[in-house]
Amino acid sequence: MQAIETKFFGPTNARGARIRVRCQARTMFVSWDYAKGSEGNHDAAAEALAKRLDWRGRWYGGGNADGSGNVYVCAGNVNDPAFIIGGVEG
């Protein structure tokens, strides 16, 4: 299992706002959902990557050093049936 990092990228003339979500195994982008707010978008991006890699368990996240995103680590049972952030099912 690897840590998951998220980072916000604002809209440009060619693309809408998005989150880059990455770990050592993969990088992908997730479109920004204005209904979710900042934390909700970062959590959803981390969950999307974990699901793509078939990772489960209890994940904990917090802001990264430069304030542009979050870092998530799995500290729970990887046999949990779902991706769970901080004790709340996502």
Protein backbone atom coordinates (compact mmCIF):
# COMPACT_ATOMS: atom_id res chain seq x y z
CA MET A 1 0.00 0.00 0.00
CA GLN A 2 1.18 3.52 -0.75
CA ALA A 3 0.28 7.03 0.41
CA ILE A 4 -2.13 8.95 -1.82
CA GLU A 5 -1.50 12.63 -2.60
CA THR A 6 -4.03 15.10 -4.00
CA LYS A 7 -3.43 18.55 -5.47
CA PHE A 8 -5.87 21.16 -6.77
CA PHE A 9 -5.45 22.61 -10.27
CA GLY A 10 -7.60 25.63 -11.11
CA PRO A 11 -9.49 26.06 -14.37
CA THR A 12 -7.77 27.20 -17.56
CA ASN A 13 -9.08 28.22 -20.97
CA ALA A 14 -8.91 24.58 -22.05
CA ARG A 15 -9.84 22.62 -18.88
CA GLY A 16 -12.06 22.96 -15.86
CA ALA A 17 -10.86 22.80 -12.26
CA ARG A 18 -9.56 19.38 -11.31
CA ILE A 19 -7.67 17.37 -8.73
CA ARG A 20 -4.53 15.43 -9.53
CA VAL A 21 -4.45 12.32 -7.40
CA ARG A 22 -1.38 10.12 -7.35
CA CYS A 23 0.60 7.44 -5.64
CA GLN A 24 3.70 5.59 -6.72
CA ALA A 25 1.61 3.16 -8.79
CA ARG A 26 -0.58 5.60 -10.74
CA THR A 27 -1.55 9.22 -11.42
CA MET A 28 -4.95 10.40 -12.61
CA PHE A 29 -7.10 13.54 -12.70
CA VAL A 30 -10.61 13.89 -11.28
CA SER A 31 -12.92 16.73 -12.32
CA TRP A 32 -13.87 19.24 -9.63
CA ASP A 33 -17.44 18.91 -8.34
CA TYR A 34 -18.57 22.34 -7.10
CA ALA A 35 -21.27 20.75 -4.93
CA LYS A 36 -18.69 18.93 -2.78
CA GLY A 37 -16.43 21.74 -1.52
CA SER A 38 -12.69 21.46 -1.09
CA GLU A 39 -12.39 18.59 1.40
CA GLY A 40 -15.11 16.61 -0.34
CA ASN A 41 -13.33 16.89 -3.68
CA HIS A 42 -9.95 15.81 -2.29
CA ASP A 43 -11.56 12.90 -0.42
CA ALA A 44 -13.49 11.83 -3.54
CA ALA A 45 -10.33 11.94 -5.67
CA ALA A 46 -8.42 9.80 -3.17
CA GLU A 47 -11.31 7.36 -3.06
CA ALA A 48 -11.46 7.20 -6.88
CA LEU A 49 -7.77 6.27 -7.09
CA ALA A 50 -8.05 3.72 -4.29
CA LYS A 51 -11.04 2.10 -6.00
CA ARG A 52 -9.22 2.01 -9.33
CA LEU A 53 -6.36 0.17 -7.61
CA ASP A 54 -8.78 -2.01 -5.58
CA TRP A 55 -7.46 -0.66 -2.28
CA ARG A 56 -9.74 -0.75 0.75
CA GLY A 57 -9.35 0.05 4.39
CA ARG A 58 -9.54 2.96 6.79
CA TRP A 59 -7.73 6.01 5.40
CA TYR A 60 -6.69 9.16 7.23
CA GLY A 61 -5.85 12.40 5.48
CA GLY A 62 -4.65 15.87 6.15
CA GLY A 63 -3.27 18.89 4.37
CA ASN A 64 0.08 18.65 2.63
CA ALA A 65 3.05 20.92 3.39
CA ASP A 66 2.33 23.61 0.77
CA GLY A 67 -1.43 23.71 1.34
CA SER A 68 -2.34 22.73 -2.22
CA GLY A 69 -3.88 19.37 -1.38
CA ASN A 70 -3.99 16.44 0.99
CA VAL A 71 -2.06 13.29 1.80
CA TYR A 72 -3.87 10.06 2.75
CA VAL A 73 -2.46 6.96 4.43
CA CYS A 74 -4.11 3.64 5.14
CA ALA A 75 -3.94 2.89 8.85
CA GLY A 76 -6.75 0.39 9.17
CA ASN A 77 -7.74 -3.06 8.12
CA VAL A 78 -7.13 -3.46 4.39
CA ASN A 79 -9.79 -6.19 4.42
CA ASP A 80 -12.55 -3.66 5.17
CA PRO A 81 -15.29 -3.94 2.54
CA ALA A 82 -15.01 -0.29 1.50
CA PHE A 83 -12.80 2.77 1.28
CA ILE A 84 -13.34 4.63 4.57
CA ILE A 85 -11.92 8.05 5.38
CA GLY A 86 -11.40 8.81 9.06
CA GLY A 87 -14.11 6.49 10.24
CA VAL A 88 -16.80 7.79 7.86
CA GLU A 89 -17.68 5.57 4.91
CA GLY A 90 -16.93 7.28 1.60
